[in-house]
Amino acid sequence: MSNNRSGVFIGGLMLGATIGALTGLLAAPRTGRETRKLLKKSADALPELAEDISTSVHIQADRLSASAVRNWDDTLERLRMAIAAGVDATQRESGALRRQNSAESESADPLVQHLER
């Protein structure tokens, strides 16, 4: 979700910059020649701007990836602990049931022995 927000933000930033530049050009009191020079300078700066944005996106993606790996590791550790607790509880319950069955069969043995006589 955070990655989607970053993409939307960058897209909005680009759209806003474009609209602002066009509005500035239309409202500027410059001659056509001056406007063309300004447009050429802006066009020359676009590759550098695109590279800066690309670098920023890569950095953000790396941070997001590292965060996802940390969250995954934390979740995996909690899952391991829950499984270990479940196994331990199962073993305790199984032992308690075995003791209960042994006690029941020992108490039933004298009765069975008496009935067999």
PDB file of N, CA and C in Angstrom:
ATOM      1  N   MET A   1       0.815  -1.171   0.000  1.00  0.00           N
ATOM      2  CA  MET A   1       0.000   0.000   0.000  1.00  0.00           C
ATOM      3  C   MET A   1       0.870   1.249   0.000  1.00  0.00           C
ATOM      4  N   SER A   2       1.953   1.258   0.780  1.00  0.00           N
ATOM      5  CA  SER A   2       2.857   2.395   0.840  1.00  0.00           C
ATOM      6  C   SER A   2       3.508   2.628  -0.516  1.00  0.00           C
ATOM      7  N   ASN A   3       3.845   1.551  -1.224  1.00  0.00           N
ATOM      8  CA  ASN A   3       4.447   1.666  -2.540  1.00  0.00           C
ATOM      9  C   ASN A   3       3.472   2.345  -3.494  1.00  0.00           C
ATOM     10  N   ASN A   4       2.189   2.014  -3.404  1.00  0.00           N
ATOM     11  CA  ASN A   4       1.175   2.616  -4.248  1.00  0.00           C
ATOM     12  C   ASN A   4       1.061   4.106  -3.945  1.00  0.00           C
ATOM     13  N   ARG A   5       1.121   4.478  -2.679  1.00  0.00           N
ATOM     14  CA  ARG A   5       1.053   5.887  -2.304  1.00  0.00           C
ATOM     15  C   ARG A   5       2.237   6.659  -2.868  1.00  0.00           C
ATOM     16  N   SER A   6       3.418   6.054  -2.836  1.00  0.00           N
ATOM     17  CA  SER A   6       4.610   6.719  -3.374  1.00  0.00           C
ATOM     18  C   SER A   6       4.448   6.960  -4.859  1.00  0.00           C
ATOM     19  N   GLY A   7       3.932   5.967  -5.585  1.00  0.00           N
ATOM     20  CA  GLY A   7       3.726   6.113  -7.023  1.00  0.00           C
ATOM     21  C   GLY A   7       2.711   7.198  -7.328  1.00  0.00           C
ATOM     22  N   VAL A   8       1.636   7.252  -6.554  1.00  0.00           N
ATOM     23  CA  VAL A   8       0.620   8.279  -6.744  1.00  0.00           C
ATOM     24  C   VAL A   8       1.214   9.654  -6.443  1.00  0.00           C
ATOM     25  N   PHE A   9       2.001   9.730  -5.377  1.00  0.00           N
ATOM     26  CA  PHE A   9       2.621  11.011  -5.029  1.00  0.00           C
ATOM     27  C   PHE A   9       3.535  11.502  -6.151  1.00  0.00           C
ATOM     28  N   ILE A  10       4.376  10.631  -6.661  1.00  0.00           N
ATOM     29  CA  ILE A  10       5.323  11.022  -7.717  1.00  0.00           C
ATOM     30  C   ILE A  10       4.571  11.412  -8.984  1.00  0.00           C
ATOM     31  N   GLY A  11       3.517  10.646  -9.313  1.00  0.00           N
ATOM     32  CA  GLY A  11       2.702  10.993 -10.482  1.00  0.00           C
ATOM     33  C   GLY A  11       2.056  12.357 -10.309  1.00  0.00           C
ATOM     34  N   GLY A  12       1.536  12.627  -9.111  1.00  0.00           N
ATOM     35  CA  GLY A  12       0.931  13.930  -8.839  1.00  0.00           C
ATOM     36  C   GLY A  12       1.949  15.053  -8.899  1.00  0.00           C
ATOM     37  N   LEU A  13       3.147  14.759  -8.408  1.00  0.00           N
ATOM     38  CA  LEU A  13       4.220  15.748  -8.455  1.00  0.00           C
ATOM     39  C   LEU A  13       4.566  16.106  -9.906  1.00  0.00           C
ATOM     40  N   MET A  14       4.675  15.087 -10.734  1.00  0.00           N
ATOM     41  CA  MET A  14       4.993  15.331 -12.158  1.00  0.00           C
ATOM     42  C   MET A  14       3.873  16.111 -12.845  1.00  0.00           C
ATOM     43  N   LEU A  15       2.625  15.726 -12.601  1.00  0.00           N
ATOM     44  CA  LEU A  15       1.488  16.410 -13.202  1.00  0.00           C
ATOM     45  C   LEU A  15       1.433  17.864 -12.735  1.00  0.00           C
ATOM     46  N   GLY A  16       1.636  18.084 -11.446  1.00  0.00           N
ATOM     47  CA  GLY A  16       1.622  19.446 -10.917  1.00  0.00           C
ATOM     48  C   GLY A  16       2.729  20.304 -11.503  1.00  0.00           C
ATOM     49  N   ALA A  17       3.905  19.713 -11.649  1.00  0.00           N
ATOM     50  CA  ALA A  17       5.026  20.472 -12.230  1.00  0.00           C
ATOM     51  C   ALA A  17       4.732  20.841 -13.682  1.00  0.00           C
ATOM     52  N   THR A  18       4.141  19.915 -14.412  1.00  0.00           N
ATOM     53  CA  THR A  18       3.811  20.185 -15.821  1.00  0.00           C
ATOM     54  C   THR A  18       2.755  21.280 -15.932  1.00  0.00           C
ATOM     55  N   ILE A  19       1.713  21.162 -15.134  1.00  0.00           N
ATOM     56  CA  ILE A  19       0.649  22.178 -15.176  1.00  0.00           C
ATOM     57  C   ILE A  19       1.198  23.535 -14.753  1.00  0.00           C
ATOM     58  N   GLY A  20       2.034  23.547 -13.720  1.00  0.00           N
ATOM     59  CA  GLY A  20       2.627  24.809 -13.277  1.00  0.00           C
ATOM     60  C   GLY A  20       3.508  25.433 -14.344  1.00  0.00           C
ATOM     61  N   ALA A  21       4.287  24.604 -15.023  1.00  0.00           N
ATOM     62  CA  ALA A  21       5.168  25.128 -16.074  1.00  0.00           C
ATOM     63  C   ALA A  21       4.352  25.703 -17.231  1.00  0.00           C
ATOM     64  N   LEU A  22       3.320  25.002 -17.655  1.00  0.00           N
ATOM     65  CA  LEU A  22       2.485  25.493 -18.754  1.00  0.00           C
ATOM     66  C   LEU A  22       1.766  26.788 -18.365  1.00  0.00           C
ATOM     67  N   THR A  23       1.257  26.838 -17.156  1.00  0.00           N
ATOM     68  CA  THR A  23       0.568  28.043 -16.691  1.00  0.00           C
ATOM     69  C   THR A  23       1.547  29.215 -16.644  1.00  0.00           C
ATOM     70  N   GLY A  24       2.747  28.935 -16.163  1.00  0.00           N
ATOM     71  CA  GLY A  24       3.760  29.994 -16.116  1.00  0.00           C
ATOM     72  C   GLY A  24       4.129  30.497 -17.504  1.00  0.00           C
ATOM     73  N   LEU A  25       4.221  29.590 -18.452  1.00  0.00           N
ATOM     74  CA  LEU A  25       4.565  30.001 -19.821  1.00  0.00           C
ATOM     75  C   LEU A  25       3.461  30.841 -20.448  1.00  0.00           C
ATOM     76  N   LEU A  26       2.228  30.435 -20.216  1.00  0.00           N
ATOM     77  CA  LEU A  26       1.112  31.172 -20.810  1.00  0.00           C
ATOM     78  C   LEU A  26       0.920  32.544 -20.176  1.00  0.00           C
ATOM     79  N   ALA A  27       1.234  32.657 -18.905  1.00  0.00           N
ATOM     80  CA  ALA A  27       1.015  33.926 -18.206  1.00  0.00           C
ATOM     81  C   ALA A  27       2.245  34.836 -18.252  1.00  0.00           C
ATOM     82  N   ALA A  28       3.364  34.330 -18.720  1.00  0.00           N
ATOM     83  CA  ALA A  28       4.606  35.113 -18.697  1.00  0.00           C
ATOM     84  C   ALA A  28       4.586  36.186 -19.784  1.00  0.00           C
ATOM     85  N   PRO A  29       5.072  37.375 -19.449  1.00  0.00           N
ATOM     86  CA  PRO A  29       5.127  38.466 -20.435  1.00  0.00           C
ATOM     87  C   PRO A  29       6.431  38.416 -21.226  1.00  0.00           C
ATOM     88  N   ARG A  30       6.678  37.284 -21.897  1.00  0.00           N
ATOM     89  CA  ARG A  30       7.903  37.146 -22.691  1.00  0.00           C
ATOM     90  C   ARG A  30       7.553  37.046 -24.171  1.00  0.00           C
ATOM     91  N   THR A  31       8.550  37.335 -24.976  1.00  0.00           N
ATOM     92  CA  THR A  31       8.366  37.165 -26.413  1.00  0.00           C
ATOM     93  C   THR A  31       8.470  35.685 -26.759  1.00  0.00           C
ATOM     94  N   GLY A  32       8.092  35.342 -27.959  1.00  0.00           N
ATOM     95  CA  GLY A  32       8.160  33.957 -28.419  1.00  0.00           C
ATOM     96  C   GLY A  32       9.577  33.409 -28.369  1.00  0.00           C
ATOM     97  N   ARG A  33      10.566  34.230 -28.762  1.00  0.00           N
ATOM     98  CA  ARG A  33      11.955  33.789 -28.759  1.00  0.00           C
ATOM     99  C   ARG A  33      12.416  33.478 -27.333  1.00  0.00           C
ATOM    100  N   GLU A  34      12.086  34.350 -26.395  1.00  0.00           N
ATOM    101  CA  GLU A  34      12.472  34.115 -25.002  1.00  0.00           C
ATOM    102  C   GLU A  34      11.785  32.870 -24.443  1.00  0.00           C
ATOM    103  N   THR A  35      10.538  32.701 -24.810  1.00  0.00           N
ATOM    104  CA  THR A  35       9.802  31.523 -24.342  1.00  0.00           C
ATOM    105  C   THR A  35      10.424  30.250 -24.898  1.00  0.00           C
ATOM    106  N   ARG A  36      10.813  30.282 -26.174  1.00  0.00           N
ATOM    107  CA  ARG A  36      11.444  29.097 -26.771  1.00  0.00           C
ATOM    108  C   ARG A  36      12.771  28.775 -26.084  1.00  0.00           C
ATOM    109  N   LYS A  37      13.549  29.800 -25.745  1.00  0.00           N
ATOM    110  CA  LYS A  37      14.809  29.575 -25.025  1.00  0.00           C
ATOM    111  C   LYS A  37      14.533  28.933 -23.659  1.00  0.00           C
ATOM    112  N   LEU A  38      13.521  29.454 -22.995  1.00  0.00           N
ATOM    113  CA  LEU A  38      13.146  28.907 -21.692  1.00  0.00           C
ATOM    114  C   LEU A  38      12.688  27.449 -21.820  1.00  0.00           C
ATOM    115  N   LEU A  39      11.901  27.171 -22.845  1.00  0.00           N
ATOM    116  CA  LEU A  39      11.451  25.796 -23.075  1.00  0.00           C
ATOM    117  C   LEU A  39      12.630  24.877 -23.358  1.00  0.00           C
ATOM    118  N   LYS A  40      13.615  25.366 -24.131  1.00  0.00           N
ATOM    119  CA  LYS A  40      14.775  24.544 -24.438  1.00  0.00           C
ATOM    120  C   LYS A  40      15.563  24.238 -23.164  1.00  0.00           C
ATOM    121  N   LYS A  41      15.748  25.250 -22.309  1.00  0.00           N
ATOM    122  CA  LYS A  41      16.445  25.013 -21.047  1.00  0.00           C
ATOM    123  C   LYS A  41      15.682  24.007 -20.187  1.00  0.00           C
ATOM    124  N   SER A  42      14.364  24.146 -20.148  1.00  0.00           N
ATOM    125  CA  SER A  42      13.547  23.212 -19.363  1.00  0.00           C
ATOM    126  C   SER A  42      13.644  21.803 -19.931  1.00  0.00           C
ATOM    127  N   ALA A  43      13.612  21.689 -21.253  1.00  0.00           N
ATOM    128  CA  ALA A  43      13.719  20.374 -21.893  1.00  0.00           C
ATOM    129  C   ALA A  43      15.088  19.756 -21.632  1.00  0.00           C
ATOM    130  N   ASP A  44      16.119  20.575 -21.614  1.00  0.00           N
ATOM    131  CA  ASP A  44      17.466  20.071 -21.327  1.00  0.00           C
ATOM    132  C   ASP A  44      17.576  19.578 -19.884  1.00  0.00           C
ATOM    133  N   ALA A  45      16.803  20.174 -18.984  1.00  0.00           N
ATOM    134  CA  ALA A  45      16.858  19.787 -17.573  1.00  0.00           C
ATOM    135  C   ALA A  45      16.004  18.551 -17.274  1.00  0.00           C
ATOM    136  N   LEU A  46      15.105  18.170 -18.178  1.00  0.00           N
ATOM    137  CA  LEU A  46      14.216  17.034 -17.933  1.00  0.00           C
ATOM    138  C   LEU A  46      14.945  15.716 -17.677  1.00  0.00           C
ATOM    139  N   PRO A  47      15.976  15.358 -18.454  1.00  0.00           N
ATOM    140  CA  PRO A  47      16.658  14.087 -18.163  1.00  0.00           C
ATOM    141  C   PRO A  47      17.246  14.037 -16.752  1.00  0.00           C
ATOM    142  N   GLU A  48      17.811  15.154 -16.313  1.00  0.00           N
ATOM    143  CA  GLU A  48      18.363  15.196 -14.957  1.00  0.00           C
ATOM    144  C   GLU A  48      17.248  15.056 -13.914  1.00  0.00           C
ATOM    145  N   LEU A  49      16.124  15.722 -14.153  1.00  0.00           N
ATOM    146  CA  LEU A  49      14.982  15.608 -13.250  1.00  0.00           C
ATOM    147  C   LEU A  49      14.462  14.174 -13.221  1.00  0.00           C
ATOM    148  N   ALA A  50      14.354  13.553 -14.381  1.00  0.00           N
ATOM    149  CA  ALA A  50      13.884  12.164 -14.450  1.00  0.00           C
ATOM    150  C   ALA A  50      14.850  11.232 -13.717  1.00  0.00           C
ATOM    151  N   GLU A  51      16.142  11.476 -13.846  1.00  0.00           N
ATOM    152  CA  GLU A  51      17.129  10.656 -13.146  1.00  0.00           C
ATOM    153  C   GLU A  51      17.004  10.829 -11.630  1.00  0.00           C
ATOM    154  N   ASP A  52      16.804  12.066 -11.194  1.00  0.00           N
ATOM    155  CA  ASP A  52      16.622  12.320  -9.754  1.00  0.00           C
ATOM    156  C   ASP A  52      15.384  11.606  -9.223  1.00  0.00           C
ATOM    157  N   ILE A  53      14.302  11.677  -9.970  1.00  0.00           N
ATOM    158  CA  ILE A  53      13.067  11.008  -9.547  1.00  0.00           C
ATOM    159  C   ILE A  53      13.268   9.502  -9.537  1.00  0.00           C
ATOM    160  N   SER A  54      13.945   8.986 -10.561  1.00  0.00           N
ATOM    161  CA  SER A  54      14.210   7.546 -10.630  1.00  0.00           C
ATOM    162  C   SER A  54      15.045   7.089  -9.431  1.00  0.00           C
ATOM    163  N   THR A  55      16.058   7.855  -9.096  1.00  0.00           N
ATOM    164  CA  THR A  55      16.894   7.528  -7.936  1.00  0.00           C
ATOM    165  C   THR A  55      16.066   7.545  -6.657  1.00  0.00           C
ATOM    166  N   SER A  56      15.216   8.538  -6.529  1.00  0.00           N
ATOM    167  CA  SER A  56      14.355   8.640  -5.351  1.00  0.00           C
ATOM    168  C   SER A  56      13.416   7.435  -5.253  1.00  0.00           C
ATOM    169  N   VAL A  57      12.861   7.029  -6.372  1.00  0.00           N
ATOM    170  CA  VAL A  57      11.963   5.866  -6.387  1.00  0.00           C
ATOM    171  C   VAL A  57      12.728   4.606  -6.009  1.00  0.00           C
ATOM    172  N   HIS A  58      13.938   4.452  -6.513  1.00  0.00           N
ATOM    173  CA  HIS A  58      14.746   3.270  -6.176  1.00  0.00           C
ATOM    174  C   HIS A  58      15.077   3.235  -4.679  1.00  0.00           C
ATOM    175  N   ILE A  59      15.429   4.370  -4.133  1.00  0.00           N
ATOM    176  CA  ILE A  59      15.735   4.431  -2.697  1.00  0.00           C
ATOM    177  C   ILE A  59      14.505   4.053  -1.886  1.00  0.00           C
ATOM    178  N   GLN A  60      13.350   4.607  -2.274  1.00  0.00           N
ATOM    179  CA  GLN A  60      12.104   4.302  -1.559  1.00  0.00           C
ATOM    180  C   GLN A  60      11.761   2.820  -1.697  1.00  0.00           C
ATOM    181  N   ALA A  61      11.961   2.244  -2.866  1.00  0.00           N
ATOM    182  CA  ALA A  61      11.684   0.822  -3.076  1.00  0.00           C
ATOM    183  C   ALA A  61      12.614  -0.045  -2.231  1.00  0.00           C
ATOM    184  N   ASP A  62      13.877   0.349  -2.123  1.00  0.00           N
ATOM    185  CA  ASP A  62      14.818  -0.397  -1.275  1.00  0.00           C
ATOM    186  C   ASP A  62      14.390  -0.343   0.193  1.00  0.00           C
ATOM    187  N   ARG A  63      13.968   0.820   0.634  1.00  0.00           N
ATOM    188  CA  ARG A  63      13.500   0.950   2.024  1.00  0.00           C
ATOM    189  C   ARG A  63      12.261   0.091   2.256  1.00  0.00           C
ATOM    190  N   LEU A  64      11.352   0.125   1.305  1.00  0.00           N
ATOM    191  CA  LEU A  64      10.132  -0.675   1.419  1.00  0.00           C
ATOM    192  C   LEU A  64      10.464  -2.156   1.430  1.00  0.00           C
ATOM    193  N   SER A  65      11.388  -2.568   0.593  1.00  0.00           N
ATOM    194  CA  SER A  65      11.800  -3.967   0.544  1.00  0.00           C
ATOM    195  C   SER A  65      12.429  -4.397   1.857  1.00  0.00           C
ATOM    196  N   ALA A  66      13.299  -3.579   2.397  1.00  0.00           N
ATOM    197  CA  ALA A  66      13.941  -3.912   3.674  1.00  0.00           C
ATOM    198  C   ALA A  66      12.903  -3.998   4.790  1.00  0.00           C
ATOM    199  N   SER A  67      11.953  -3.088   4.772  1.00  0.00           N
ATOM    200  CA  SER A  67      10.884  -3.109   5.774  1.00  0.00           C
ATOM    201  C   SER A  67      10.042  -4.374   5.636  1.00  0.00           C
ATOM    202  N   ALA A  68       9.730  -4.767   4.412  1.00  0.00           N
ATOM    203  CA  ALA A  68       8.943  -5.977   4.190  1.00  0.00           C
ATOM    204  C   ALA A  68       9.695  -7.214   4.675  1.00  0.00           C
ATOM    205  N   VAL A  69      10.996  -7.255   4.441  1.00  0.00           N
ATOM    206  CA  VAL A  69      11.800  -8.404   4.897  1.00  0.00           C
ATOM    207  C   VAL A  69      11.809  -8.455   6.425  1.00  0.00           C
ATOM    208  N   ARG A  70      11.974  -7.303   7.079  1.00  0.00           N
ATOM    209  CA  ARG A  70      11.945  -7.279   8.551  1.00  0.00           C
ATOM    210  C   ARG A  70      10.595  -7.751   9.079  1.00  0.00           C
ATOM    211  N   ASN A  71       9.521  -7.253   8.475  1.00  0.00           N
ATOM    212  CA  ASN A  71       8.183  -7.667   8.905  1.00  0.00           C
ATOM    213  C   ASN A  71       7.981  -9.159   8.685  1.00  0.00           C
ATOM    214  N   TRP A  72       8.457  -9.678   7.568  1.00  0.00           N
ATOM    215  CA  TRP A  72       8.337 -11.107   7.275  1.00  0.00           C
ATOM    216  C   TRP A  72       9.117 -11.916   8.307  1.00  0.00           C
ATOM    217  N   ASP A  73      10.331 -11.496   8.619  1.00  0.00           N
ATOM    218  CA  ASP A  73      11.141 -12.215   9.605  1.00  0.00           C
ATOM    219  C   ASP A  73      10.462 -12.208  10.978  1.00  0.00           C
ATOM    220  N   ASP A  74       9.894 -11.065  11.370  1.00  0.00           N
ATOM    221  CA  ASP A  74       9.196 -10.984  12.652  1.00  0.00           C
ATOM    222  C   ASP A  74       7.978 -11.912  12.666  1.00  0.00           C
ATOM    223  N   THR A  75       7.232 -11.906  11.594  1.00  0.00           N
ATOM    224  CA  THR A  75       6.049 -12.769  11.505  1.00  0.00           C
ATOM    225  C   THR A  75       6.449 -14.232  11.537  1.00  0.00           C
ATOM    226  N   LEU A  76       7.500 -14.575  10.836  1.00  0.00           N
ATOM    227  CA  LEU A  76       7.973 -15.961  10.805  1.00  0.00           C
ATOM    228  C   LEU A  76       8.424 -16.407  12.201  1.00  0.00           C
ATOM    229  N   GLU A  77       9.103 -15.540  12.930  1.00  0.00           N
ATOM    230  CA  GLU A  77       9.544 -15.879  14.277  1.00  0.00           C
ATOM    231  C   GLU A  77       8.350 -16.078  15.206  1.00  0.00           C
ATOM    232  N   ARG A  78       7.347 -15.213  15.107  1.00  0.00           N
ATOM    233  CA  ARG A  78       6.142 -15.384  15.936  1.00  0.00           C
ATOM    234  C   ARG A  78       5.423 -16.681  15.587  1.00  0.00           C
ATOM    235  N   LEU A  79       5.396 -17.026  14.318  1.00  0.00           N
ATOM    236  CA  LEU A  79       4.768 -18.275  13.889  1.00  0.00           C
ATOM    237  C   LEU A  79       5.523 -19.478  14.442  1.00  0.00           C
ATOM    238  N   ARG A  80       6.838 -19.434  14.408  1.00  0.00           N
ATOM    239  CA  ARG A  80       7.646 -20.522  14.972  1.00  0.00           C
ATOM    240  C   ARG A  80       7.374 -20.681  16.469  1.00  0.00           C
ATOM    241  N   MET A  81       7.290 -19.567  17.168  1.00  0.00           N
ATOM    242  CA  MET A  81       7.027 -19.628  18.605  1.00  0.00           C
ATOM    243  C   MET A  81       5.634 -20.191  18.879  1.00  0.00           C
ATOM    244  N   ALA A  82       4.661 -19.814  18.079  1.00  0.00           N
ATOM    245  CA  ALA A  82       3.298 -20.319  18.261  1.00  0.00           C
ATOM    246  C   ALA A  82       3.239 -21.818  17.987  1.00  0.00           C
ATOM    247  N   ILE A  83       3.936 -22.274  16.963  1.00  0.00           N
ATOM    248  CA  ILE A  83       3.959 -23.708  16.650  1.00  0.00           C
ATOM    249  C   ILE A  83       4.629 -24.473  17.783  1.00  0.00           C
ATOM    250  N   ALA A  84       5.744 -23.954  18.300  1.00  0.00           N
ATOM    251  CA  ALA A  84       6.442 -24.620  19.407  1.00  0.00           C
ATOM    252  C   ALA A  84       5.547 -24.686  20.642  1.00  0.00           C
ATOM    253  N   ALA A  85       4.815 -23.614  20.915  1.00  0.00           N
ATOM    254  CA  ALA A  85       3.904 -23.607  22.065  1.00  0.00           C
ATOM    255  C   ALA A  85       2.781 -24.618  21.853  1.00  0.00           C
ATOM    256  N   GLY A  86       2.282 -24.723  20.625  1.00  0.00           N
ATOM    257  CA  GLY A  86       1.233 -25.691  20.323  1.00  0.00           C
ATOM    258  C   GLY A  86       1.719 -27.121  20.471  1.00  0.00           C
ATOM    259  N   VAL A  87       2.930 -27.396  20.003  1.00  0.00           N
ATOM    260  CA  VAL A  87       3.512 -28.739  20.142  1.00  0.00           C
ATOM    261  C   VAL A  87       3.702 -29.074  21.611  1.00  0.00           C
ATOM    262  N   ASP A  88       4.208 -28.121  22.379  1.00  0.00           N
ATOM    263  CA  ASP A  88       4.421 -28.342  23.811  1.00  0.00           C
ATOM    264  C   ASP A  88       3.098 -28.619  24.523  1.00  0.00           C
ATOM    265  N   ALA A  89       2.079 -27.825  24.222  1.00  0.00           N
ATOM    266  CA  ALA A  89       0.771 -28.022  24.849  1.00  0.00           C
ATOM    267  C   ALA A  89       0.180 -29.370  24.455  1.00  0.00           C
ATOM    268  N   THR A  90       0.358 -29.778  23.219  1.00  0.00           N
ATOM    269  CA  THR A  90      -0.144 -31.066  22.761  1.00  0.00           C
ATOM    270  C   THR A  90       0.544 -32.208  23.491  1.00  0.00           C
ATOM    271  N   GLN A  91       1.848 -32.089  23.666  1.00  0.00           N
ATOM    272  CA  GLN A  91       2.588 -33.141  24.375  1.00  0.00           C
ATOM    273  C   GLN A  91       2.157 -33.220  25.837  1.00  0.00           C
ATOM    274  N   ARG A  92       1.958 -32.066  26.479  1.00  0.00           N
ATOM    275  CA  ARG A  92       1.491 -32.074  27.875  1.00  0.00           C
ATOM    276  C   ARG A  92       0.107 -32.705  27.986  1.00  0.00           C
ATOM    277  N   GLU A  93      -0.781 -32.336  27.086  1.00  0.00           N
ATOM    278  CA  GLU A  93      -2.142 -32.884  27.119  1.00  0.00           C
ATOM    279  C   GLU A  93      -2.136 -34.382  26.834  1.00  0.00           C
ATOM    280  N   SER A  94      -1.293 -34.796  25.907  1.00  0.00           N
ATOM    281  CA  SER A  94      -1.180 -36.222  25.580  1.00  0.00           C
ATOM    282  C   SER A  94      -0.670 -37.009  26.790  1.00  0.00           C
ATOM    283  N   GLY A  95       0.319 -36.478  27.484  1.00  0.00           N
ATOM    284  CA  GLY A  95       0.843 -37.131  28.692  1.00  0.00           C
ATOM    285  C   GLY A  95      -0.218 -37.213  29.778  1.00  0.00           C
ATOM    286  N   ALA A  96      -0.993 -36.125  29.942  1.00  0.00           N
ATOM    287  CA  ALA A  96      -2.053 -36.125  30.951  1.00  0.00           C
ATOM    288  C   ALA A  96      -3.111 -37.160  30.613  1.00  0.00           C
ATOM    289  N   LEU A  97      -3.458 -37.275  29.344  1.00  0.00           N
ATOM    290  CA  LEU A  97      -4.448 -38.279  28.938  1.00  0.00           C
ATOM    291  C   LEU A  97      -3.919 -39.694  29.142  1.00  0.00           C
ATOM    292  N   ARG A  98      -2.636 -39.915  28.858  1.00  0.00           N
ATOM    293  CA  ARG A  98      -2.053 -41.247  29.075  1.00  0.00           C
ATOM    294  C   ARG A  98      -2.087 -41.611  30.558  1.00  0.00           C
ATOM    295  N   ARG A  99      -1.717 -40.654  31.419  1.00  0.00           N
ATOM    296  CA  ARG A  99      -1.756 -40.915  32.863  1.00  0.00           C
ATOM    297  C   ARG A  99      -3.179 -41.196  33.325  1.00  0.00           C
ATOM    298  N   GLN A 100      -4.120 -40.439  32.785  1.00  0.00           N
ATOM    299  CA  GLN A 100      -5.519 -40.649  33.157  1.00  0.00           C
ATOM    300  C   GLN A 100      -5.989 -42.023  32.710  1.00  0.00           C
ATOM    301  N   ASN A 101      -5.635 -42.439  31.496  1.00  0.00           N
ATOM    302  CA  ASN A 101      -6.013 -43.765  30.993  1.00  0.00           C
ATOM    303  C   ASN A 101      -5.343 -44.868  31.809  1.00  0.00           C
ATOM    304  N   SER A 102      -4.083 -44.646  32.189  1.00  0.00           N
ATOM    305  CA  SER A 102      -3.378 -45.642  33.010  1.00  0.00           C
ATOM    306  C   SER A 102      -4.047 -45.771  34.361  1.00  0.00           C
ATOM    307  N   ALA A 103      -4.410 -44.641  34.979  1.00  0.00           N
ATOM    308  CA  ALA A 103      -5.063 -44.668  36.282  1.00  0.00           C
ATOM    309  C   ALA A 103      -6.417 -45.364  36.191  1.00  0.00           C
ATOM    310  N   GLU A 104      -7.139 -45.116  35.117  1.00  0.00           N
ATOM    311  CA  GLU A 104      -8.439 -45.757  34.943  1.00  0.00           C
ATOM    312  C   GLU A 104      -8.292 -47.253  34.731  1.00  0.00           C
ATOM    313  N   SER A 105      -7.310 -47.656  33.958  1.00  0.00           N
ATOM    314  CA  SER A 105      -7.135 -49.090  33.704  1.00  0.00           C
ATOM    315  C   SER A 105      -6.601 -49.797  34.945  1.00  0.00           C
ATOM    316  N   GLU A 106      -5.778 -49.135  35.777  1.00  0.00           N
ATOM    317  CA  GLU A 106      -5.297 -49.741  37.019  1.00  0.00           C
ATOM    318  C   GLU A 106      -6.435 -49.895  38.013  1.00  0.00           C
ATOM    319  N   SER A 107      -7.307 -48.909  38.082  1.00  0.00           N
ATOM    320  CA  SER A 107      -8.428 -49.009  39.014  1.00  0.00           C
ATOM    321  C   SER A 107      -9.447 -50.016  38.510  1.00  0.00           C
ATOM    322  N   ALA A 108      -9.510 -50.244  37.242  1.00  0.00           N
ATOM    323  CA  ALA A 108     -10.443 -51.220  36.694  1.00  0.00           C
ATOM    324  C   ALA A 108      -9.890 -52.631  36.805  1.00  0.00           C
ATOM    325  N   ASP A 109      -8.615 -52.816  36.886  1.00  0.00           N
ATOM    326  CA  ASP A 109      -8.014 -54.142  36.940  1.00  0.00           C
ATOM    327  C   ASP A 109      -8.482 -54.971  38.151  1.00  0.00           C
ATOM    328  N   PRO A 110      -8.513 -54.434  39.358  1.00  0.00           N
ATOM    329  CA  PRO A 110      -8.984 -55.254  40.491  1.00  0.00           C
ATOM    330  C   PRO A 110     -10.420 -55.702  40.278  1.00  0.00           C
ATOM    331  N   LEU A 111     -11.260 -54.887  39.726  1.00  0.00           N
ATOM    332  CA  LEU A 111     -12.637 -55.277  39.477  1.00  0.00           C
ATOM    333  C   LEU A 111     -12.716 -56.382  38.472  1.00  0.00           C
ATOM    334  N   VAL A 112     -11.943 -56.214  37.396  1.00  0.00           N
ATOM    335  CA  VAL A 112     -11.909 -57.247  36.367  1.00  0.00           C
ATOM    336  C   VAL A 112     -11.364 -58.533  36.936  1.00  0.00           C
ATOM    337  N   GLN A 113     -10.345 -58.450  37.778  1.00  0.00           N
ATOM    338  CA  GLN A 113      -9.764 -59.639  38.385  1.00  0.00           C
ATOM    339  C   GLN A 113     -10.772 -60.322  39.318  1.00  0.00           C
ATOM    340  N   HIS A 114     -11.511 -59.544  40.061  1.00  0.00           N
ATOM    341  CA  HIS A 114     -12.497 -60.109  40.972  1.00  0.00           C
ATOM    342  C   HIS A 114     -13.623 -60.800  40.183  1.00  0.00           C
ATOM    343  N   LEU A 115     -14.038 -60.163  39.089  1.00  0.00           N
ATOM    344  CA  LEU A 115     -15.113 -60.758  38.285  1.00  0.00           C
ATOM    345  C   LEU A 115     -14.648 -62.019  37.589  1.00  0.00           C
ATOM    346  N   GLU A 116     -13.394 -62.109  37.251  1.00  0.00           N
ATOM    347  CA  GLU A 116     -12.882 -63.277  36.561  1.00  0.00           C
ATOM    348  C   GLU A 116     -12.791 -64.477  37.509  1.00  0.00           C
ATOM    349  N   ARG A 117     -12.730 -64.316  38.808  1.00  0.00           N
ATOM    350  CA  ARG A 117     -12.614 -65.417  39.760  1.00  0.00           C
ATOM    351  C   ARG A 117     -13.874 -66.126  39.935  1.00  0.00           C
TER     352      ARG A 117
END
